[in-house]
Structures are given as C-alpha cells and as structure tokens.
C-alpha cells in the first residue's frame, strides 16, 4: 500500500468509509459531525478516496426478489484453462450471473446466479454445461449477508 493510500485509510478515513457504506446518501456535514471534521475537510477526503480508487462508486442496493429473481444459486464449474476466456465472457453477457469467481480447488469457477425460477436456473446450467462439469447448490436462505459492507477495522 502506498503512503497516500495508507494516510487516507487512517482512523478518520475508515470512519468516513463506514458512514458511506452504511448510507452513501448521508450528508457530508453529518459525516463531518460523526468524525470530528468540517464538511469541506470531509468532502476533500471523500474526493481523494474516490480519486485513488478506494471508493469505487455509489449504488442502490436492490432486493432481487422484488424484481422476481427469488431463486439464488451457486454453480461450481470445472473446466479446462483454454475455456476460461469464454466462460468469463459468458458470465459478463448473462444478466442472471451476478458474480463469477475463478477459484482454487476442484472447480475452476464458482458463479452466483439470480433467477426467477428453477426452470430459468436449468437454462443457465445448460449454457454453462458445454464448458465442463457443473455442480449446483440452490440457496435455501441467507441468514447473514455482508456483501454490501466491507469490514473496516
């Protein structure tokens, strides 16, 4: 980590990041009150956090079930290295695939999929099957979901 990034990630920088993670719409003045800085000082810190790429963007967190995508599954795909670019391209193309991870171990990839129903899941598996062996696990429930919050301590 370079000096500038290390400096931005001091105690105050981490508090600013925590406030923005909790609610990116929190006014800069309110964040300033929380961390003990003026609004202009916080605005400058946030600008630097954005410029260095520590803050990648601001997003609305949408409930997939509200859009009809109530089935969540993880698909393990075991494939040959020559297929990696094609698998990655397909993952980018398919809106049903929310994340694609190249992993170590028995499988080559693990893909998180959000679909409307099991027949849609079957169609996703069918698109991936030509690349190799798939193993699918349907999510029954998600008692803990920290995907939107990165631990900052």
N, C-alpha and C. Protein backbone atom coordinates (compact mmCIF):
# COMPACT_ATOMS: atom_id res chain seq x y z
N UNK A 1 0.85 -1.17 0.00
CA UNK A 1 0.00 0.00 0.00
C UNK A 1 0.89 1.24 0.00
N UNK A 2 0.62 2.19 -0.87
CA UNK A 2 1.48 3.37 -0.91
C UNK A 2 1.12 4.34 0.21
N UNK A 3 1.99 5.32 0.41
CA UNK A 3 1.85 6.24 1.53
C UNK A 3 0.54 7.00 1.50
N UNK A 4 0.15 7.51 0.32
CA UNK A 4 -1.08 8.29 0.22
C UNK A 4 -2.31 7.45 0.60
N UNK A 5 -2.37 6.23 0.10
CA UNK A 5 -3.49 5.35 0.42
C UNK A 5 -3.49 5.02 1.90
N UNK A 6 -2.31 4.73 2.44
CA UNK A 6 -2.19 4.41 3.86
C UNK A 6 -2.67 5.59 4.71
N UNK A 7 -2.32 6.81 4.30
CA UNK A 7 -2.74 8.01 5.02
C UNK A 7 -4.26 8.21 4.95
N UNK A 8 -4.84 7.93 3.78
CA UNK A 8 -6.29 8.06 3.62
C UNK A 8 -7.07 7.05 4.45
N UNK A 9 -6.43 5.92 4.74
CA UNK A 9 -7.10 4.86 5.48
C UNK A 9 -6.78 4.90 6.97
N UNK A 10 -6.53 6.10 7.47
CA UNK A 10 -6.32 6.25 8.92
C UNK A 10 -7.66 6.08 9.64
N UNK A 11 -7.67 6.31 10.93
CA UNK A 11 -8.88 6.13 11.74
C UNK A 11 -10.04 6.95 11.21
N UNK A 12 -9.81 8.19 10.85
CA UNK A 12 -10.87 9.06 10.35
C UNK A 12 -11.34 8.60 8.96
N UNK A 13 -10.40 8.25 8.11
CA UNK A 13 -10.76 7.75 6.78
C UNK A 13 -11.64 6.52 6.86
N UNK A 14 -11.32 5.63 7.77
CA UNK A 14 -12.12 4.42 7.94
C UNK A 14 -13.51 4.75 8.48
N UNK A 15 -13.60 5.75 9.35
CA UNK A 15 -14.92 6.17 9.86
C UNK A 15 -15.76 6.77 8.73
N UNK A 16 -15.11 7.54 7.87
CA UNK A 16 -15.83 8.11 6.71
C UNK A 16 -16.33 6.98 5.81
N UNK A 17 -15.47 6.01 5.54
CA UNK A 17 -15.88 4.88 4.70
C UNK A 17 -17.02 4.10 5.33
N UNK A 18 -16.96 3.90 6.65
CA UNK A 18 -18.03 3.18 7.34
C UNK A 18 -19.36 3.93 7.22
N UNK A 19 -19.31 5.25 7.37
CA UNK A 19 -20.53 6.04 7.25
C UNK A 19 -21.10 5.96 5.84
N UNK A 20 -20.23 6.02 4.84
CA UNK A 20 -20.70 5.95 3.45
C UNK A 20 -21.22 4.55 3.11
N UNK A 21 -20.59 3.51 3.66
CA UNK A 21 -21.09 2.15 3.43
C UNK A 21 -22.46 1.97 4.04
N UNK A 22 -22.66 2.51 5.22
CA UNK A 22 -23.96 2.37 5.89
C UNK A 22 -25.05 3.10 5.13
N UNK A 23 -24.72 4.29 4.60
CA UNK A 23 -25.68 5.07 3.84
C UNK A 23 -24.92 6.10 3.02
N UNK A 24 -24.74 5.82 1.74
CA UNK A 24 -23.97 6.71 0.87
C UNK A 24 -24.66 8.05 0.66
N UNK A 25 -25.90 8.17 1.10
CA UNK A 25 -26.63 9.43 0.95
C UNK A 25 -26.53 10.31 2.20
N UNK A 26 -25.73 9.88 3.17
CA UNK A 26 -25.53 10.68 4.37
C UNK A 26 -24.87 12.00 3.98
N UNK A 27 -25.43 13.12 4.40
CA UNK A 27 -24.83 14.42 4.04
C UNK A 27 -23.40 14.53 4.56
N UNK A 28 -22.56 15.17 3.78
CA UNK A 28 -21.16 15.39 4.17
C UNK A 28 -21.08 16.09 5.52
N UNK A 29 -21.98 17.04 5.76
CA UNK A 29 -21.96 17.76 7.05
C UNK A 29 -22.22 16.81 8.21
N UNK A 30 -23.11 15.85 8.03
CA UNK A 30 -23.41 14.87 9.08
C UNK A 30 -22.21 13.96 9.30
N UNK A 31 -21.56 13.54 8.22
CA UNK A 31 -20.36 12.70 8.36
C UNK A 31 -19.28 13.49 9.10
N UNK A 32 -19.17 14.77 8.79
CA UNK A 32 -18.22 15.62 9.49
C UNK A 32 -18.46 15.63 10.99
N UNK A 33 -19.73 15.73 11.39
CA UNK A 33 -20.08 15.68 12.82
C UNK A 33 -19.67 14.34 13.43
N UNK A 34 -19.86 13.28 12.67
CA UNK A 34 -19.55 11.93 13.17
C UNK A 34 -18.05 11.71 13.36
N UNK A 35 -17.23 12.32 12.49
CA UNK A 35 -15.79 12.06 12.55
C UNK A 35 -14.98 13.21 13.13
N UNK A 36 -15.65 14.33 13.42
CA UNK A 36 -14.96 15.46 14.03
C UNK A 36 -14.20 16.34 13.04
N UNK A 37 -14.68 16.43 11.80
CA UNK A 37 -14.08 17.30 10.80
C UNK A 37 -15.13 18.23 10.21
N UNK A 38 -14.66 19.29 9.59
CA UNK A 38 -15.58 20.20 8.91
C UNK A 38 -16.10 19.52 7.64
N UNK A 39 -17.22 20.00 7.13
CA UNK A 39 -17.78 19.45 5.89
C UNK A 39 -16.80 19.58 4.72
N UNK A 40 -16.13 20.74 4.54
CA UNK A 40 -15.16 20.82 3.45
C UNK A 40 -14.01 19.82 3.59
N UNK A 41 -13.56 19.58 4.81
CA UNK A 41 -12.48 18.61 5.03
C UNK A 41 -12.93 17.20 4.68
N UNK A 42 -14.17 16.87 5.05
CA UNK A 42 -14.71 15.55 4.71
C UNK A 42 -14.88 15.43 3.20
N UNK A 43 -15.41 16.47 2.56
CA UNK A 43 -15.59 16.46 1.11
C UNK A 43 -14.26 16.23 0.39
N UNK A 44 -13.21 16.86 0.87
CA UNK A 44 -11.88 16.69 0.27
C UNK A 44 -11.39 15.26 0.47
N UNK A 45 -11.60 14.70 1.66
CA UNK A 45 -11.19 13.32 1.93
C UNK A 45 -11.95 12.35 1.01
N UNK A 46 -13.25 12.57 0.88
CA UNK A 46 -14.06 11.69 0.03
C UNK A 46 -13.58 11.78 -1.42
N UNK A 47 -13.28 13.00 -1.87
CA UNK A 47 -12.78 13.19 -3.23
C UNK A 47 -11.48 12.40 -3.43
N UNK A 48 -10.58 12.45 -2.47
CA UNK A 48 -9.31 11.71 -2.58
C UNK A 48 -9.54 10.20 -2.52
N UNK A 49 -10.50 9.76 -1.70
CA UNK A 49 -10.83 8.34 -1.63
C UNK A 49 -11.37 7.84 -2.98
N UNK A 50 -12.12 8.69 -3.65
CA UNK A 50 -12.64 8.36 -4.99
C UNK A 50 -11.50 8.35 -6.02
N UNK A 51 -10.66 9.38 -5.98
CA UNK A 51 -9.57 9.50 -6.97
C UNK A 51 -8.57 8.36 -6.89
N UNK A 52 -8.31 7.87 -5.69
CA UNK A 52 -7.36 6.76 -5.52
C UNK A 52 -7.99 5.40 -5.81
N UNK A 53 -9.30 5.38 -6.01
CA UNK A 53 -9.98 4.12 -6.31
C UNK A 53 -10.39 3.32 -5.10
N UNK A 54 -10.20 3.89 -3.92
CA UNK A 54 -10.67 3.19 -2.72
C UNK A 54 -12.19 3.14 -2.73
N UNK A 55 -12.82 4.25 -3.05
CA UNK A 55 -14.27 4.26 -3.28
C UNK A 55 -14.47 4.02 -4.77
N UNK A 56 -15.11 2.91 -5.09
CA UNK A 56 -15.31 2.51 -6.49
C UNK A 56 -16.58 3.08 -7.08
N UNK A 57 -17.54 3.47 -6.26
CA UNK A 57 -18.80 4.01 -6.77
C UNK A 57 -19.86 4.00 -5.69
N UNK A 58 -21.02 4.47 -6.05
CA UNK A 58 -22.16 4.54 -5.15
C UNK A 58 -23.32 3.82 -5.83
N UNK A 59 -23.99 2.94 -5.10
CA UNK A 59 -25.01 2.11 -5.72
C UNK A 59 -26.24 1.97 -4.84
N UNK A 60 -27.38 1.79 -5.50
CA UNK A 60 -28.60 1.43 -4.77
C UNK A 60 -28.58 -0.08 -4.58
N UNK A 61 -28.89 -0.54 -3.40
CA UNK A 61 -28.95 -1.98 -3.14
C UNK A 61 -30.40 -2.41 -3.34
N UNK A 62 -30.62 -3.20 -4.35
CA UNK A 62 -31.97 -3.58 -4.76
C UNK A 62 -32.25 -5.02 -4.34
N UNK A 63 -33.44 -5.25 -3.82
CA UNK A 63 -33.85 -6.59 -3.42
C UNK A 63 -34.14 -7.41 -4.68
N UNK A 64 -33.36 -8.46 -4.96
CA UNK A 64 -33.58 -9.25 -6.18
C UNK A 64 -34.98 -9.86 -6.24
N UNK A 65 -35.53 -10.25 -5.10
CA UNK A 65 -36.87 -10.84 -5.08
C UNK A 65 -37.92 -9.85 -5.55
N UNK A 66 -37.70 -8.56 -5.29
CA UNK A 66 -38.65 -7.54 -5.74
C UNK A 66 -38.72 -7.47 -7.26
N UNK A 67 -37.66 -7.91 -7.93
CA UNK A 67 -37.62 -7.94 -9.39
C UNK A 67 -37.96 -9.32 -9.94
N UNK A 68 -38.42 -10.20 -9.05
CA UNK A 68 -38.80 -11.54 -9.48
C UNK A 68 -37.68 -12.55 -9.45
N UNK A 69 -36.48 -12.14 -9.11
CA UNK A 69 -35.34 -13.06 -9.09
C UNK A 69 -35.18 -13.65 -7.68
N UNK A 70 -36.13 -14.49 -7.32
CA UNK A 70 -36.17 -15.01 -5.96
C UNK A 70 -35.34 -16.27 -5.75
N UNK A 71 -34.86 -16.89 -6.83
CA UNK A 71 -34.02 -18.09 -6.70
C UNK A 71 -32.56 -17.69 -6.82
N UNK A 72 -31.81 -18.04 -5.80
CA UNK A 72 -30.38 -17.77 -5.76
C UNK A 72 -29.66 -19.11 -5.74
N UNK A 73 -28.58 -19.23 -6.52
CA UNK A 73 -27.84 -20.48 -6.55
C UNK A 73 -26.36 -20.21 -6.80
N UNK A 74 -25.55 -21.19 -6.43
CA UNK A 74 -24.12 -21.17 -6.72
C UNK A 74 -23.83 -22.34 -7.63
N UNK A 75 -23.16 -22.05 -8.74
CA UNK A 75 -22.81 -23.09 -9.69
C UNK A 75 -21.29 -23.23 -9.71
N UNK A 76 -20.82 -24.43 -9.40
CA UNK A 76 -19.40 -24.75 -9.50
C UNK A 76 -19.18 -25.30 -10.89
N UNK A 77 -18.24 -24.72 -11.62
CA UNK A 77 -17.93 -25.17 -12.97
C UNK A 77 -16.48 -25.62 -13.03
N UNK A 78 -16.29 -26.86 -13.43
CA UNK A 78 -14.94 -27.40 -13.62
C UNK A 78 -14.69 -27.45 -15.12
N UNK A 79 -13.67 -26.73 -15.56
CA UNK A 79 -13.39 -26.63 -16.99
C UNK A 79 -11.89 -26.55 -17.23
N UNK A 80 -11.51 -26.65 -18.48
CA UNK A 80 -10.10 -26.55 -18.85
C UNK A 80 -9.70 -25.08 -18.99
N UNK A 81 -8.43 -24.80 -18.79
CA UNK A 81 -7.92 -23.42 -18.83
C UNK A 81 -8.22 -22.75 -20.17
N UNK A 82 -8.23 -23.49 -21.23
CA UNK A 82 -8.49 -22.89 -22.55
C UNK A 82 -9.90 -22.30 -22.64
N UNK A 83 -10.82 -22.74 -21.74
CA UNK A 83 -12.19 -22.24 -21.75
C UNK A 83 -12.40 -21.01 -20.85
N UNK A 84 -11.40 -20.63 -20.07
CA UNK A 84 -11.57 -19.53 -19.12
C UNK A 84 -12.06 -18.24 -19.79
N UNK A 85 -11.46 -17.79 -20.88
CA UNK A 85 -11.95 -16.55 -21.50
C UNK A 85 -13.41 -16.64 -21.96
N UNK A 86 -13.80 -17.78 -22.49
CA UNK A 86 -15.19 -17.95 -22.95
C UNK A 86 -16.17 -17.97 -21.78
N UNK A 87 -15.79 -18.62 -20.69
CA UNK A 87 -16.64 -18.66 -19.50
C UNK A 87 -16.80 -17.24 -18.95
N UNK A 88 -15.70 -16.52 -18.86
CA UNK A 88 -15.74 -15.14 -18.35
C UNK A 88 -16.62 -14.27 -19.24
N UNK A 89 -16.49 -14.40 -20.54
CA UNK A 89 -17.31 -13.62 -21.48
C UNK A 89 -18.79 -13.96 -21.32
N UNK A 90 -19.10 -15.23 -21.15
CA UNK A 90 -20.50 -15.64 -20.95
C UNK A 90 -21.04 -15.07 -19.65
N UNK A 91 -20.22 -15.08 -18.59
CA UNK A 91 -20.65 -14.53 -17.30
C UNK A 91 -20.95 -13.04 -17.41
N UNK A 92 -20.15 -12.33 -18.19
CA UNK A 92 -20.39 -10.90 -18.40
C UNK A 92 -21.70 -10.70 -19.17
N UNK A 93 -21.94 -11.54 -20.15
CA UNK A 93 -23.11 -11.42 -21.02
C UNK A 93 -24.43 -11.74 -20.31
N UNK A 94 -24.42 -12.76 -19.47
CA UNK A 94 -25.67 -13.25 -18.88
C UNK A 94 -26.08 -12.44 -17.66
N UNK A 95 -27.23 -11.80 -17.73
CA UNK A 95 -27.69 -10.98 -16.60
C UNK A 95 -28.04 -11.81 -15.38
N UNK A 96 -28.27 -13.10 -15.56
CA UNK A 96 -28.62 -13.97 -14.44
C UNK A 96 -27.41 -14.23 -13.53
N UNK A 97 -26.20 -14.04 -14.05
CA UNK A 97 -24.98 -14.30 -13.27
C UNK A 97 -24.57 -13.00 -12.59
N UNK A 98 -24.65 -12.99 -11.26
CA UNK A 98 -24.32 -11.77 -10.52
C UNK A 98 -22.84 -11.68 -10.16
N UNK A 99 -22.16 -12.82 -10.08
CA UNK A 99 -20.71 -12.80 -9.87
C UNK A 99 -20.10 -14.09 -10.39
N UNK A 100 -18.86 -13.97 -10.80
CA UNK A 100 -18.11 -15.11 -11.34
C UNK A 100 -16.72 -15.05 -10.73
N UNK A 101 -16.35 -16.10 -10.04
CA UNK A 101 -15.06 -16.14 -9.35
C UNK A 101 -14.22 -17.30 -9.88
N UNK A 102 -13.00 -17.01 -10.30
CA UNK A 102 -12.04 -18.06 -10.67
C UNK A 102 -11.44 -18.52 -9.35
N UNK A 103 -11.54 -19.80 -9.05
CA UNK A 103 -11.18 -20.28 -7.72
C UNK A 103 -10.14 -21.40 -7.77
N UNK A 104 -9.54 -21.66 -6.63
CA UNK A 104 -8.64 -22.80 -6.49
C UNK A 104 -9.48 -23.99 -6.04
N UNK A 105 -8.87 -25.16 -6.11
CA UNK A 105 -9.57 -26.36 -5.67
C UNK A 105 -10.07 -27.18 -6.83
N UNK A 106 -11.06 -27.98 -6.57
CA UNK A 106 -11.57 -28.92 -7.57
C UNK A 106 -12.23 -28.21 -8.75
N UNK A 107 -13.05 -27.22 -8.48
CA UNK A 107 -13.74 -26.48 -9.55
C UNK A 107 -12.84 -25.36 -10.06
N UNK A 108 -13.17 -24.87 -11.25
CA UNK A 108 -12.43 -23.76 -11.84
C UNK A 108 -13.08 -22.42 -11.50
N UNK A 109 -14.41 -22.42 -11.49
CA UNK A 109 -15.18 -21.21 -11.24
C UNK A 109 -16.32 -21.51 -10.27
N UNK A 110 -16.72 -20.48 -9.54
CA UNK A 110 -17.98 -20.52 -8.81
C UNK A 110 -18.75 -19.28 -9.24
N UNK A 111 -19.98 -19.50 -9.66
CA UNK A 111 -20.81 -18.42 -10.17
C UNK A 111 -22.03 -18.26 -9.29
N UNK A 112 -22.33 -17.04 -8.91
CA UNK A 112 -23.56 -16.76 -8.17
C UNK A 112 -24.61 -16.35 -9.19
N UNK A 113 -25.76 -16.99 -9.11
CA UNK A 113 -26.82 -16.80 -10.09
C UNK A 113 -28.09 -16.37 -9.39
N UNK A 114 -28.81 -15.42 -9.98
CA UNK A 114 -30.14 -14.99 -9.52
C UNK A 114 -31.12 -15.16 -10.66
N UNK A 115 -32.15 -15.97 -10.45
CA UNK A 115 -33.13 -16.24 -11.50
C UNK A 115 -34.54 -16.20 -10.93
N UNK A 116 -35.51 -16.20 -11.85
CA UNK A 116 -36.92 -16.15 -11.45
C UNK A 116 -37.41 -17.47 -10.87
N UNK A 117 -37.00 -18.57 -11.47
CA UNK A 117 -37.48 -19.88 -11.02
C UNK A 117 -36.47 -20.96 -11.41
N UNK A 118 -36.76 -22.19 -11.01
CA UNK A 118 -35.83 -23.29 -11.22
C UNK A 118 -35.65 -23.60 -12.71
N UNK A 119 -36.68 -23.40 -13.52
CA UNK A 119 -36.51 -23.66 -14.96
C UNK A 119 -35.52 -22.66 -15.57
N UNK A 120 -35.50 -21.41 -15.06
CA UNK A 120 -34.50 -20.44 -15.51
C UNK A 120 -33.10 -20.86 -15.06
N UNK A 121 -33.01 -21.43 -13.86
CA UNK A 121 -31.73 -21.93 -13.37
C UNK A 121 -31.24 -23.07 -14.27
N UNK A 122 -32.15 -23.93 -14.66
CA UNK A 122 -31.80 -25.03 -15.56
C UNK A 122 -31.24 -24.50 -16.88
N UNK A 123 -31.81 -23.42 -17.38
CA UNK A 123 -31.33 -22.82 -18.63
C UNK A 123 -29.92 -22.25 -18.47
N UNK A 124 -29.63 -21.66 -17.31
CA UNK A 124 -28.28 -21.14 -17.06
C UNK A 124 -27.28 -22.30 -17.01
N UNK A 125 -27.64 -23.35 -16.31
CA UNK A 125 -26.76 -24.53 -16.23
C UNK A 125 -26.53 -25.10 -17.62
N UNK A 126 -27.56 -25.12 -18.44
CA UNK A 126 -27.42 -25.63 -19.80
C UNK A 126 -26.45 -24.79 -20.63
N UNK A 127 -26.43 -23.47 -20.40
CA UNK A 127 -25.49 -22.60 -21.12
C UNK A 127 -24.05 -22.83 -20.67
N UNK A 128 -23.87 -23.23 -19.41
CA UNK A 128 -22.52 -23.45 -18.87
C UNK A 128 -22.00 -24.86 -19.11
N UNK A 129 -22.90 -25.81 -19.23
CA UNK A 129 -22.52 -27.23 -19.35
C UNK A 129 -21.57 -27.55 -20.50
N UNK A 130 -21.67 -26.91 -21.67
CA UNK A 130 -20.72 -27.24 -22.74
C UNK A 130 -19.25 -26.98 -22.37
N UNK A 131 -19.02 -26.17 -21.34
CA UNK A 131 -17.65 -25.84 -20.94
C UNK A 131 -17.05 -26.88 -20.00
N UNK A 132 -17.90 -27.71 -19.39
CA UNK A 132 -17.39 -28.70 -18.45
C UNK A 132 -18.45 -29.16 -17.49
N UNK A 133 -18.01 -29.73 -16.39
CA UNK A 133 -18.91 -30.28 -15.39
C UNK A 133 -19.42 -29.18 -14.46
N UNK A 134 -20.72 -29.21 -14.19
CA UNK A 134 -21.31 -28.25 -13.26
C UNK A 134 -21.85 -28.99 -12.03
N UNK A 135 -21.86 -28.26 -10.94
CA UNK A 135 -22.48 -28.74 -9.69
C UNK A 135 -23.19 -27.53 -9.12
N UNK A 136 -24.49 -27.66 -8.88
CA UNK A 136 -25.31 -26.52 -8.49
C UNK A 136 -25.86 -26.70 -7.09
N UNK A 137 -25.81 -25.61 -6.30
CA UNK A 137 -26.41 -25.59 -4.97
C UNK A 137 -27.39 -24.42 -4.92
N UNK A 138 -28.65 -24.73 -4.65
CA UNK A 138 -29.68 -23.69 -4.54
C UNK A 138 -29.66 -23.16 -3.11
N UNK A 139 -29.69 -21.84 -2.98
CA UNK A 139 -29.68 -21.20 -1.67
C UNK A 139 -31.07 -21.32 -1.05
N UNK A 140 -31.15 -21.89 0.14
CA UNK A 140 -32.44 -22.01 0.84
C UNK A 140 -32.77 -20.73 1.60
N UNK A 141 -31.77 -20.14 2.23
CA UNK A 141 -31.94 -18.87 2.92
C UNK A 141 -30.58 -18.22 3.10
N UNK A 142 -30.57 -16.94 3.43
CA UNK A 142 -29.32 -16.22 3.65
C UNK A 142 -29.42 -15.52 5.01
N UNK A 143 -29.06 -16.24 6.08
CA UNK A 143 -29.18 -15.63 7.41
C UNK A 143 -28.19 -14.50 7.66
N UNK A 144 -27.07 -14.48 6.94
CA UNK A 144 -26.08 -13.41 7.07
C UNK A 144 -25.65 -13.00 5.67
N UNK A 145 -25.73 -11.71 5.38
CA UNK A 145 -25.30 -11.19 4.09
C UNK A 145 -24.50 -9.91 4.31
N UNK A 146 -23.21 -10.00 4.19
CA UNK A 146 -22.33 -8.85 4.40
C UNK A 146 -21.74 -8.35 3.09
N UNK A 147 -22.33 -8.72 1.96
CA UNK A 147 -21.74 -8.37 0.67
C UNK A 147 -21.69 -6.87 0.43
N UNK A 148 -22.56 -6.12 1.03
CA UNK A 148 -22.56 -4.68 0.82
C UNK A 148 -21.67 -3.94 1.82
N UNK A 149 -21.19 -4.64 2.83
CA UNK A 149 -20.42 -3.98 3.88
C UNK A 149 -19.06 -4.66 4.04
N UNK A 150 -18.00 -3.92 3.78
CA UNK A 150 -16.64 -4.42 3.96
C UNK A 150 -16.18 -4.07 5.37
N UNK A 151 -15.71 -5.02 6.16
CA UNK A 151 -15.21 -4.71 7.49
C UNK A 151 -14.04 -3.71 7.40
N UNK A 152 -14.08 -2.67 8.19
CA UNK A 152 -13.08 -1.60 8.09
C UNK A 152 -12.16 -1.52 9.31
N UNK A 153 -12.25 -2.48 10.20
CA UNK A 153 -11.37 -2.45 11.38
C UNK A 153 -10.30 -3.48 11.30
